[in-house]
């Protein structure tokens, strides 16, 4: 991401908190993420008449990123809500050495997000979580976002801020 954080970061909504949470991001990057995801949420609401039902069953999205200086990171994005039920995704990301380790960090971020949901973690607990690499059936060698199934990626996007990513998540919701 242009101007992206080079340390662990998170942004979005968590069920344990009443509004947006952000850790490890400067305001420019946070605002860029907010604009992008707000646009994606609106586009998905327009596309799916059953948005609310699909959203709560949407699969997570994994990603690896490499900035213009060659710094890799991995992360995951999940459909989420805040304490009062307002829908907005949550993203957790952390630095990595290369594309392969970024994929493992992406799996670790997804595991931590699921733990946050099941254990009722707040943003500080999620941000402090130890991220141990988790192997995924996905081995990217370039920066990309993927909806990963047990057989591998079912959807791949190579843009830094992929257009239609929330709609793709909802399309695969069961």
N, C-alpha and C. Protein backbone atom coordinates (compact mmCIF):
# COMPACT_ATOMS: atom_id res chain seq x y z
N UNK A 1 0.84 -1.17 0.00
CA UNK A 1 0.00 0.00 0.00
C UNK A 1 0.89 1.23 0.00
N UNK A 2 0.58 2.20 -0.83
CA UNK A 2 1.39 3.41 -0.81
C UNK A 2 1.39 4.02 0.58
N UNK A 3 2.56 4.34 1.09
CA UNK A 3 2.64 4.92 2.43
C UNK A 3 2.23 3.96 3.52
N UNK A 4 2.27 2.66 3.23
CA UNK A 4 1.74 1.68 4.18
C UNK A 4 2.61 1.57 5.43
N UNK A 5 2.05 0.98 6.44
CA UNK A 5 2.78 0.72 7.68
C UNK A 5 3.81 -0.38 7.42
N UNK A 6 4.93 -0.34 8.12
CA UNK A 6 5.92 -1.40 7.97
C UNK A 6 5.96 -2.30 9.21
N UNK A 7 5.08 -2.08 10.14
CA UNK A 7 4.95 -2.92 11.32
C UNK A 7 3.57 -3.56 11.30
N UNK A 8 3.27 -4.34 12.32
CA UNK A 8 1.94 -4.93 12.45
C UNK A 8 0.91 -3.80 12.52
N UNK A 9 -0.25 -4.03 11.91
CA UNK A 9 -1.33 -3.04 11.99
C UNK A 9 -2.68 -3.74 11.90
N UNK A 10 -3.70 -3.04 12.37
CA UNK A 10 -5.07 -3.52 12.20
C UNK A 10 -5.99 -2.33 11.99
N UNK A 11 -7.09 -2.61 11.29
CA UNK A 11 -8.07 -1.57 11.02
C UNK A 11 -9.42 -2.22 10.75
N UNK A 12 -10.48 -1.61 11.25
CA UNK A 12 -11.84 -2.05 10.95
C UNK A 12 -12.71 -2.06 12.19
N UNK A 13 -13.60 -3.04 12.26
CA UNK A 13 -14.52 -3.15 13.39
C UNK A 13 -14.40 -4.53 14.03
N UNK A 14 -14.54 -4.53 15.34
CA UNK A 14 -14.51 -5.76 16.13
C UNK A 14 -15.77 -5.84 16.98
N UNK A 15 -16.33 -7.05 17.14
CA UNK A 15 -17.55 -7.20 17.95
C UNK A 15 -17.41 -6.73 19.39
N UNK A 16 -16.20 -6.71 19.93
CA UNK A 16 -15.99 -6.31 21.32
C UNK A 16 -15.95 -4.80 21.52
N UNK A 17 -15.97 -4.04 20.42
CA UNK A 17 -15.84 -2.59 20.55
C UNK A 17 -16.95 -1.87 19.79
N UNK A 18 -17.21 -0.62 20.20
CA UNK A 18 -18.34 0.12 19.69
C UNK A 18 -18.12 0.93 18.44
N UNK A 19 -16.90 1.00 17.95
CA UNK A 19 -16.66 1.78 16.73
C UNK A 19 -15.40 1.27 16.05
N UNK A 20 -14.92 2.03 15.09
CA UNK A 20 -13.72 1.64 14.36
C UNK A 20 -12.54 1.49 15.30
N UNK A 21 -11.67 0.53 14.98
CA UNK A 21 -10.42 0.36 15.69
C UNK A 21 -9.27 0.48 14.70
N UNK A 22 -8.18 1.01 15.17
CA UNK A 22 -6.99 1.16 14.33
C UNK A 22 -5.76 1.11 15.24
N UNK A 23 -4.79 0.32 14.85
CA UNK A 23 -3.52 0.23 15.57
C UNK A 23 -2.41 0.13 14.53
N UNK A 24 -1.31 0.84 14.78
CA UNK A 24 -0.14 0.72 13.94
C UNK A 24 -0.19 1.45 12.61
N UNK A 25 -1.20 2.28 12.38
CA UNK A 25 -1.35 3.00 11.12
C UNK A 25 -1.32 4.50 11.35
N UNK A 26 -0.71 5.23 10.42
CA UNK A 26 -0.84 6.68 10.49
C UNK A 26 -2.19 7.06 9.89
N UNK A 27 -2.62 8.29 10.13
CA UNK A 27 -3.97 8.70 9.72
C UNK A 27 -4.15 8.67 8.20
N UNK A 28 -3.11 8.93 7.41
CA UNK A 28 -3.25 8.90 5.95
C UNK A 28 -3.59 7.50 5.45
N UNK A 29 -2.86 6.52 5.93
CA UNK A 29 -3.11 5.14 5.50
C UNK A 29 -4.46 4.67 6.03
N UNK A 30 -4.76 4.99 7.28
CA UNK A 30 -6.06 4.62 7.86
C UNK A 30 -7.20 5.20 7.04
N UNK A 31 -7.10 6.48 6.67
CA UNK A 31 -8.15 7.12 5.88
C UNK A 31 -8.27 6.50 4.49
N UNK A 32 -7.13 6.12 3.90
CA UNK A 32 -7.14 5.47 2.59
C UNK A 32 -7.86 4.12 2.67
N UNK A 33 -7.56 3.34 3.70
CA UNK A 33 -8.25 2.07 3.91
C UNK A 33 -9.74 2.27 4.14
N UNK A 34 -10.09 3.27 4.93
CA UNK A 34 -11.50 3.56 5.22
C UNK A 34 -12.26 3.90 3.94
N UNK A 35 -11.69 4.77 3.12
CA UNK A 35 -12.36 5.14 1.86
C UNK A 35 -12.53 3.93 0.95
N UNK A 36 -11.47 3.14 0.80
CA UNK A 36 -11.52 1.97 -0.07
C UNK A 36 -12.58 0.97 0.42
N UNK A 37 -12.53 0.60 1.70
CA UNK A 37 -13.47 -0.40 2.21
C UNK A 37 -14.90 0.13 2.27
N UNK A 38 -15.08 1.41 2.56
CA UNK A 38 -16.43 1.99 2.55
C UNK A 38 -17.02 1.90 1.15
N UNK A 39 -16.21 2.21 0.14
CA UNK A 39 -16.67 2.10 -1.26
C UNK A 39 -17.01 0.64 -1.58
N UNK A 40 -16.16 -0.29 -1.17
CA UNK A 40 -16.40 -1.71 -1.43
C UNK A 40 -17.67 -2.21 -0.74
N UNK A 41 -17.91 -1.75 0.47
CA UNK A 41 -19.13 -2.14 1.18
C UNK A 41 -20.37 -1.62 0.46
N UNK A 42 -20.34 -0.36 0.02
CA UNK A 42 -21.48 0.21 -0.70
C UNK A 42 -21.73 -0.54 -2.01
N UNK A 43 -20.68 -0.84 -2.74
CA UNK A 43 -20.82 -1.58 -4.00
C UNK A 43 -21.44 -2.96 -3.76
N UNK A 44 -21.02 -3.63 -2.70
CA UNK A 44 -21.56 -4.95 -2.38
C UNK A 44 -23.03 -4.86 -1.96
N UNK A 45 -23.39 -3.82 -1.22
CA UNK A 45 -24.79 -3.63 -0.82
C UNK A 45 -25.67 -3.41 -2.04
N UNK A 46 -25.17 -2.68 -3.02
CA UNK A 46 -25.93 -2.46 -4.25
C UNK A 46 -26.06 -3.74 -5.07
N UNK A 47 -25.06 -4.57 -5.04
CA UNK A 47 -25.06 -5.79 -5.86
C UNK A 47 -25.93 -6.90 -5.29
N UNK A 48 -25.96 -7.04 -3.97
CA UNK A 48 -26.64 -8.18 -3.35
C UNK A 48 -27.84 -7.73 -2.54
N UNK A 49 -29.04 -8.15 -2.97
CA UNK A 49 -30.26 -7.84 -2.22
C UNK A 49 -30.22 -8.49 -0.84
N UNK A 50 -29.55 -9.63 -0.74
CA UNK A 50 -29.42 -10.35 0.53
C UNK A 50 -28.07 -10.08 1.19
N UNK A 51 -27.60 -8.83 1.08
CA UNK A 51 -26.29 -8.44 1.60
C UNK A 51 -26.10 -8.85 3.05
N UNK A 52 -27.05 -8.54 3.93
CA UNK A 52 -26.88 -8.80 5.36
C UNK A 52 -26.62 -10.28 5.65
N UNK A 53 -27.40 -11.15 5.02
CA UNK A 53 -27.22 -12.59 5.24
C UNK A 53 -25.89 -13.07 4.67
N UNK A 54 -25.57 -12.65 3.45
CA UNK A 54 -24.31 -13.06 2.83
C UNK A 54 -23.11 -12.56 3.62
N UNK A 55 -23.18 -11.32 4.07
CA UNK A 55 -22.04 -10.71 4.76
C UNK A 55 -21.62 -11.53 5.97
N UNK A 56 -22.58 -11.98 6.73
CA UNK A 56 -22.26 -12.71 7.96
C UNK A 56 -21.71 -14.11 7.68
N UNK A 57 -21.79 -14.57 6.43
CA UNK A 57 -21.27 -15.90 6.07
C UNK A 57 -20.12 -15.81 5.06
N UNK A 58 -19.61 -14.62 4.84
CA UNK A 58 -18.56 -14.43 3.84
C UNK A 58 -17.24 -15.05 4.29
N UNK A 59 -16.53 -15.69 3.36
CA UNK A 59 -15.21 -16.22 3.71
C UNK A 59 -14.20 -15.09 3.90
N UNK A 60 -13.16 -15.38 4.62
CA UNK A 60 -12.08 -14.41 4.82
C UNK A 60 -11.23 -14.31 3.57
N UNK A 61 -10.47 -13.24 3.50
CA UNK A 61 -9.57 -13.01 2.38
C UNK A 61 -8.15 -12.86 2.92
N UNK A 62 -7.22 -13.58 2.33
CA UNK A 62 -5.81 -13.47 2.71
C UNK A 62 -5.10 -12.58 1.70
N UNK A 63 -4.00 -11.95 2.13
CA UNK A 63 -3.21 -11.17 1.18
C UNK A 63 -1.75 -11.16 1.55
N UNK A 64 -0.93 -10.96 0.52
CA UNK A 64 0.49 -10.65 0.69
C UNK A 64 0.73 -9.35 -0.06
N UNK A 65 1.61 -8.53 0.48
CA UNK A 65 1.89 -7.23 -0.13
C UNK A 65 3.39 -7.01 -0.15
N UNK A 66 3.85 -6.29 -1.15
CA UNK A 66 5.25 -5.89 -1.23
C UNK A 66 5.28 -4.43 -1.67
N UNK A 67 5.88 -3.58 -0.85
CA UNK A 67 5.90 -2.16 -1.20
C UNK A 67 7.04 -1.86 -2.18
N UNK A 68 7.11 -0.61 -2.59
CA UNK A 68 8.10 -0.21 -3.59
C UNK A 68 9.54 -0.36 -3.09
N UNK A 69 9.73 -0.50 -1.80
CA UNK A 69 11.07 -0.71 -1.23
C UNK A 69 11.38 -2.19 -1.01
N UNK A 70 10.48 -3.07 -1.47
CA UNK A 70 10.72 -4.51 -1.35
C UNK A 70 10.38 -5.10 0.00
N UNK A 71 9.65 -4.37 0.83
CA UNK A 71 9.24 -4.89 2.15
C UNK A 71 7.93 -5.66 2.01
N UNK A 72 7.96 -6.91 2.45
CA UNK A 72 6.80 -7.79 2.36
C UNK A 72 5.97 -7.76 3.64
N UNK A 73 4.70 -8.03 3.50
CA UNK A 73 3.80 -8.22 4.64
C UNK A 73 2.72 -9.21 4.25
N UNK A 74 2.10 -9.79 5.24
CA UNK A 74 0.98 -10.69 5.02
C UNK A 74 -0.16 -10.28 5.92
N UNK A 75 -1.38 -10.59 5.52
CA UNK A 75 -2.51 -10.22 6.34
C UNK A 75 -3.77 -10.94 5.93
N UNK A 76 -4.83 -10.63 6.65
CA UNK A 76 -6.14 -11.22 6.38
C UNK A 76 -7.23 -10.20 6.66
N UNK A 77 -8.32 -10.34 5.93
CA UNK A 77 -9.49 -9.49 6.10
C UNK A 77 -10.71 -10.38 6.29
N UNK A 78 -11.51 -10.07 7.30
CA UNK A 78 -12.73 -10.82 7.59
C UNK A 78 -13.92 -9.86 7.66
N UNK A 79 -15.07 -10.37 7.29
CA UNK A 79 -16.31 -9.63 7.54
C UNK A 79 -16.46 -9.53 9.06
N UNK A 80 -16.86 -8.37 9.54
CA UNK A 80 -16.99 -8.17 10.98
C UNK A 80 -18.09 -7.16 11.27
N UNK A 81 -18.36 -6.98 12.53
CA UNK A 81 -19.33 -6.00 13.02
C UNK A 81 -18.76 -5.37 14.28
N UNK A 82 -19.31 -4.22 14.66
CA UNK A 82 -18.92 -3.65 15.95
C UNK A 82 -19.92 -4.10 17.01
N UNK A 83 -19.77 -3.60 18.20
CA UNK A 83 -20.57 -4.02 19.35
C UNK A 83 -22.07 -3.86 19.12
N UNK A 84 -22.47 -2.86 18.34
CA UNK A 84 -23.90 -2.63 18.11
C UNK A 84 -24.38 -3.21 16.77
N UNK A 85 -23.51 -3.96 16.08
CA UNK A 85 -23.93 -4.67 14.88
C UNK A 85 -23.67 -3.97 13.55
N UNK A 86 -22.99 -2.83 13.56
CA UNK A 86 -22.67 -2.16 12.29
C UNK A 86 -21.60 -2.95 11.57
N UNK A 87 -21.86 -3.24 10.30
CA UNK A 87 -20.98 -4.10 9.51
C UNK A 87 -19.82 -3.31 8.89
N UNK A 88 -18.62 -3.87 9.01
CA UNK A 88 -17.43 -3.33 8.35
C UNK A 88 -16.32 -4.35 8.56
N UNK A 89 -15.52 -4.62 7.53
CA UNK A 89 -14.45 -5.61 7.67
C UNK A 89 -13.39 -5.22 8.70
N UNK A 90 -12.64 -6.20 9.13
CA UNK A 90 -11.46 -6.00 9.98
C UNK A 90 -10.27 -6.59 9.23
N UNK A 91 -9.15 -5.86 9.23
CA UNK A 91 -7.91 -6.32 8.60
C UNK A 91 -6.81 -6.33 9.65
N UNK A 92 -6.02 -7.40 9.64
CA UNK A 92 -4.83 -7.50 10.46
C UNK A 92 -3.68 -7.85 9.53
N UNK A 93 -2.53 -7.18 9.68
CA UNK A 93 -1.37 -7.42 8.82
C UNK A 93 -0.09 -7.28 9.63
N UNK A 94 0.96 -7.98 9.17
CA UNK A 94 2.26 -7.91 9.84
C UNK A 94 3.38 -8.10 8.82
N UNK A 95 4.58 -7.61 9.13
CA UNK A 95 5.70 -7.72 8.20
C UNK A 95 6.19 -9.15 8.01
N UNK A 96 6.85 -9.38 6.88
CA UNK A 96 7.40 -10.70 6.54
C UNK A 96 8.70 -10.50 5.75
N UNK A 97 9.45 -11.58 5.60
CA UNK A 97 10.73 -11.51 4.89
C UNK A 97 10.59 -11.60 3.37
N UNK A 98 9.62 -12.37 2.90
CA UNK A 98 9.45 -12.59 1.46
C UNK A 98 8.01 -13.05 1.22
N UNK A 99 7.69 -13.37 -0.04
CA UNK A 99 6.31 -13.77 -0.38
C UNK A 99 5.89 -15.03 0.37
N UNK A 100 6.78 -16.01 0.45
CA UNK A 100 6.44 -17.26 1.13
C UNK A 100 6.16 -17.06 2.60
N UNK A 101 7.00 -16.30 3.28
CA UNK A 101 6.75 -16.06 4.70
C UNK A 101 5.55 -15.13 4.89
N UNK A 102 5.29 -14.25 3.91
CA UNK A 102 4.11 -13.38 3.99
C UNK A 102 2.83 -14.21 3.94
N UNK A 103 2.82 -15.29 3.15
CA UNK A 103 1.65 -16.16 3.11
C UNK A 103 1.44 -16.83 4.47
N UNK A 104 2.52 -17.27 5.12
CA UNK A 104 2.41 -17.85 6.46
C UNK A 104 1.92 -16.84 7.49
N UNK A 105 2.39 -15.59 7.38
CA UNK A 105 1.92 -14.53 8.27
C UNK A 105 0.44 -14.24 8.00
N UNK A 106 0.05 -14.30 6.73
CA UNK A 106 -1.36 -14.12 6.38
C UNK A 106 -2.22 -15.16 7.10
N UNK A 107 -1.77 -16.41 7.09
CA UNK A 107 -2.48 -17.46 7.81
C UNK A 107 -2.52 -17.20 9.30
N UNK A 108 -1.42 -16.68 9.85
CA UNK A 108 -1.37 -16.34 11.28
C UNK A 108 -2.35 -15.22 11.60
N UNK A 109 -2.43 -14.23 10.72
CA UNK A 109 -3.38 -13.13 10.93
C UNK A 109 -4.81 -13.64 10.91
N UNK A 110 -5.11 -14.54 9.98
CA UNK A 110 -6.46 -15.11 9.92
C UNK A 110 -6.76 -15.89 11.19
N UNK A 111 -5.82 -16.68 11.66
CA UNK A 111 -6.00 -17.42 12.91
C UNK A 111 -6.27 -16.46 14.07
N UNK A 112 -5.49 -15.38 14.15
CA UNK A 112 -5.67 -14.40 15.24
C UNK A 112 -7.03 -13.72 15.15
N UNK A 113 -7.48 -13.40 13.94
CA UNK A 113 -8.80 -12.78 13.78
C UNK A 113 -9.90 -13.73 14.26
N UNK A 114 -9.80 -14.99 13.89
CA UNK A 114 -10.80 -15.97 14.36
C UNK A 114 -10.76 -16.10 15.88
N UNK A 115 -9.56 -16.08 16.45
CA UNK A 115 -9.44 -16.14 17.91
C UNK A 115 -10.06 -14.90 18.56
N UNK A 116 -9.86 -13.75 17.94
CA UNK A 116 -10.45 -12.50 18.46
C UNK A 116 -11.97 -12.60 18.47
N UNK A 117 -12.55 -13.15 17.40
CA UNK A 117 -14.00 -13.29 17.34
C UNK A 117 -14.50 -14.27 18.40
N UNK A 118 -13.87 -15.44 18.48
CA UNK A 118 -14.37 -16.47 19.39
C UNK A 118 -14.11 -16.15 20.86
N UNK A 119 -13.07 -15.37 21.14
CA UNK A 119 -12.73 -15.06 22.54
C UNK A 119 -13.15 -13.67 22.97
N UNK A 120 -13.74 -12.90 22.07
CA UNK A 120 -14.21 -11.56 22.43
C UNK A 120 -13.10 -10.56 22.67
N UNK A 121 -11.97 -10.72 21.97
CA UNK A 121 -10.85 -9.80 22.16
C UNK A 121 -11.19 -8.39 21.73
N UNK A 122 -10.59 -7.42 22.41
CA UNK A 122 -10.64 -6.03 21.95
C UNK A 122 -9.44 -5.78 21.04
N UNK A 123 -9.34 -4.57 20.51
CA UNK A 123 -8.28 -4.24 19.55
C UNK A 123 -6.89 -4.40 20.16
N UNK A 124 -6.72 -4.01 21.41
CA UNK A 124 -5.40 -4.13 22.03
C UNK A 124 -4.97 -5.59 22.16
N UNK A 125 -5.90 -6.46 22.51
CA UNK A 125 -5.58 -7.89 22.62
C UNK A 125 -5.22 -8.47 21.26
N UNK A 126 -5.98 -8.11 20.24
CA UNK A 126 -5.69 -8.60 18.89
C UNK A 126 -4.34 -8.08 18.41
N UNK A 127 -4.09 -6.81 18.62
CA UNK A 127 -2.83 -6.20 18.18
C UNK A 127 -1.63 -6.83 18.89
N UNK A 128 -1.81 -7.24 20.13
CA UNK A 128 -0.72 -7.84 20.91
C UNK A 128 -0.54 -9.33 20.65
N UNK A 129 -1.46 -9.95 19.93
CA UNK A 129 -1.41 -11.40 19.72
C UNK A 129 -0.12 -11.81 19.01
N UNK A 130 0.46 -12.90 19.49
CA UNK A 130 1.64 -13.46 18.83
C UNK A 130 1.19 -14.11 17.52
N UNK A 131 1.89 -13.82 16.45
CA UNK A 131 1.54 -14.36 15.14
C UNK A 131 2.56 -15.42 14.74
N UNK A 132 2.16 -16.68 14.83
CA UNK A 132 3.01 -17.79 14.41
C UNK A 132 2.54 -18.23 13.03
N UNK A 133 3.45 -18.29 12.05
CA UNK A 133 3.05 -18.62 10.67
C UNK A 133 2.19 -19.87 10.59
N UNK A 134 1.17 -19.80 9.75
CA UNK A 134 0.25 -20.90 9.51
C UNK A 134 0.30 -21.22 8.02
N UNK A 135 0.56 -22.47 7.69
CA UNK A 135 0.63 -22.87 6.29
C UNK A 135 -0.76 -22.85 5.66
N UNK A 136 -0.82 -22.28 4.46
CA UNK A 136 -2.06 -22.22 3.69
C UNK A 136 -1.87 -22.97 2.38
N UNK A 137 -2.96 -23.43 1.76
CA UNK A 137 -2.85 -24.07 0.44
C UNK A 137 -2.75 -23.00 -0.67
N UNK A 138 -1.79 -22.10 -0.49
CA UNK A 138 -1.63 -20.95 -1.38
C UNK A 138 -0.18 -20.51 -1.28
N UNK A 139 0.48 -20.41 -2.41
CA UNK A 139 1.90 -20.04 -2.41
C UNK A 139 2.15 -18.90 -3.40
N UNK A 140 1.76 -17.70 -3.04
CA UNK A 140 1.96 -16.57 -3.95
C UNK A 140 3.45 -16.21 -4.06
N UNK A 141 3.82 -15.71 -5.23
CA UNK A 141 5.19 -15.21 -5.39
C UNK A 141 5.19 -13.73 -5.74
N UNK A 142 3.99 -13.16 -5.78
CA UNK A 142 3.81 -11.73 -6.01
C UNK A 142 2.76 -11.22 -5.03
N UNK A 143 2.66 -9.91 -4.91
CA UNK A 143 1.63 -9.33 -4.04
C UNK A 143 0.26 -9.65 -4.61
N UNK A 144 -0.64 -10.18 -3.77
CA UNK A 144 -1.99 -10.49 -4.23
C UNK A 144 -2.92 -10.74 -3.05
N UNK A 145 -4.20 -10.63 -3.33
CA UNK A 145 -5.28 -10.96 -2.40
C UNK A 145 -5.90 -12.26 -2.90
N UNK A 146 -6.30 -13.14 -2.00
CA UNK A 146 -6.89 -14.40 -2.41
C UNK A 146 -7.96 -14.86 -1.42
N UNK A 147 -9.03 -15.39 -1.97
CA UNK A 147 -10.01 -16.12 -1.17
C UNK A 147 -9.56 -17.58 -1.27
N UNK A 148 -9.03 -18.11 -0.19
CA UNK A 148 -8.37 -19.41 -0.20
C UNK A 148 -9.31 -20.48 0.33
N UNK A 149 -9.51 -21.53 -0.48
CA UNK A 149 -10.29 -22.68 -0.04
C UNK A 149 -9.31 -23.79 0.32
N UNK A 150 -9.82 -24.94 0.72
CA UNK A 150 -8.94 -26.05 1.07
C UNK A 150 -8.10 -26.51 -0.11
N UNK A 151 -8.59 -26.29 -1.33
CA UNK A 151 -7.88 -26.71 -2.54
C UNK A 151 -6.93 -25.63 -3.06
N UNK A 152 -6.95 -24.47 -2.44
CA UNK A 152 -6.11 -23.36 -2.92
C UNK A 152 -6.96 -22.14 -3.18
N UNK A 153 -6.40 -21.15 -3.87
CA UNK A 153 -7.15 -19.91 -4.08
C UNK A 153 -8.33 -20.10 -5.03
N UNK A 154 -9.49 -19.66 -4.60
CA UNK A 154 -10.70 -19.70 -5.42
C UNK A 154 -10.90 -18.38 -6.14
N UNK A 155 -10.21 -17.34 -5.69
CA UNK A 155 -10.30 -16.00 -6.28
C UNK A 155 -8.98 -15.31 -5.99
N UNK A 156 -8.43 -14.63 -6.99
CA UNK A 156 -7.17 -13.91 -6.81
C UNK A 156 -7.29 -12.53 -7.44
N UNK A 157 -6.79 -11.51 -6.74
CA UNK A 157 -6.73 -10.14 -7.26
C UNK A 157 -5.32 -9.61 -7.01
N UNK A 158 -4.78 -8.93 -7.99
CA UNK A 158 -3.39 -8.45 -7.85
C UNK A 158 -3.29 -6.96 -7.63
N UNK A 159 -4.40 -6.25 -7.52
CA UNK A 159 -4.34 -4.82 -7.22
C UNK A 159 -4.03 -4.63 -5.74
N UNK A 160 -3.44 -3.50 -5.42
CA UNK A 160 -3.13 -3.21 -4.01
C UNK A 160 -4.43 -2.99 -3.22
N UNK A 161 -5.39 -2.32 -3.80
CA UNK A 161 -6.72 -2.14 -3.20
C UNK A 161 -7.73 -2.72 -4.19
N UNK A 162 -7.96 -4.03 -4.15
CA UNK A 162 -8.76 -4.67 -5.19
C UNK A 162 -10.21 -4.20 -5.24
N UNK A 163 -10.60 -3.78 -6.42
CA UNK A 163 -11.99 -3.38 -6.63
C UNK A 163 -12.84 -4.64 -6.68
N UNK A 164 -13.94 -4.64 -5.94
CA UNK A 164 -14.86 -5.76 -5.93
C UNK A 164 -14.51 -6.86 -4.93
N UNK A 165 -13.56 -6.62 -4.04
CA UNK A 165 -13.13 -7.67 -3.12
C UNK A 165 -14.24 -8.07 -2.14
N UNK A 166 -14.98 -7.12 -1.61
CA UNK A 166 -16.07 -7.47 -0.69
C UNK A 166 -17.17 -8.21 -1.45
N UNK A 167 -17.47 -7.78 -2.66
CA UNK A 167 -18.46 -8.49 -3.48
C UNK A 167 -18.00 -9.92 -3.77
N UNK A 168 -16.71 -10.11 -4.04
CA UNK A 168 -16.19 -11.46 -4.27
C UNK A 168 -16.36 -12.32 -3.02
N UNK A 169 -16.11 -11.74 -1.86
CA UNK A 169 -16.29 -12.48 -0.61
C UNK A 169 -17.76 -12.89 -0.45
N UNK A 170 -18.67 -11.96 -0.74
CA UNK A 170 -20.09 -12.24 -0.58
C UNK A 170 -20.60 -13.22 -1.62
N UNK A 171 -20.03 -13.17 -2.82
CA UNK A 171 -20.42 -14.11 -3.87
C UNK A 171 -20.12 -15.54 -3.44
N UNK A 172 -19.06 -15.73 -2.68
CA UNK A 172 -18.67 -17.07 -2.24
C UNK A 172 -19.32 -17.47 -0.92
N UNK A 173 -20.09 -16.58 -0.32
CA UNK A 173 -20.73 -16.88 0.97
C UNK A 173 -21.73 -18.01 0.81
N UNK A 174 -21.75 -18.89 1.80
CA UNK A 174 -22.72 -20.00 1.74
C UNK A 174 -23.66 -19.94 2.92
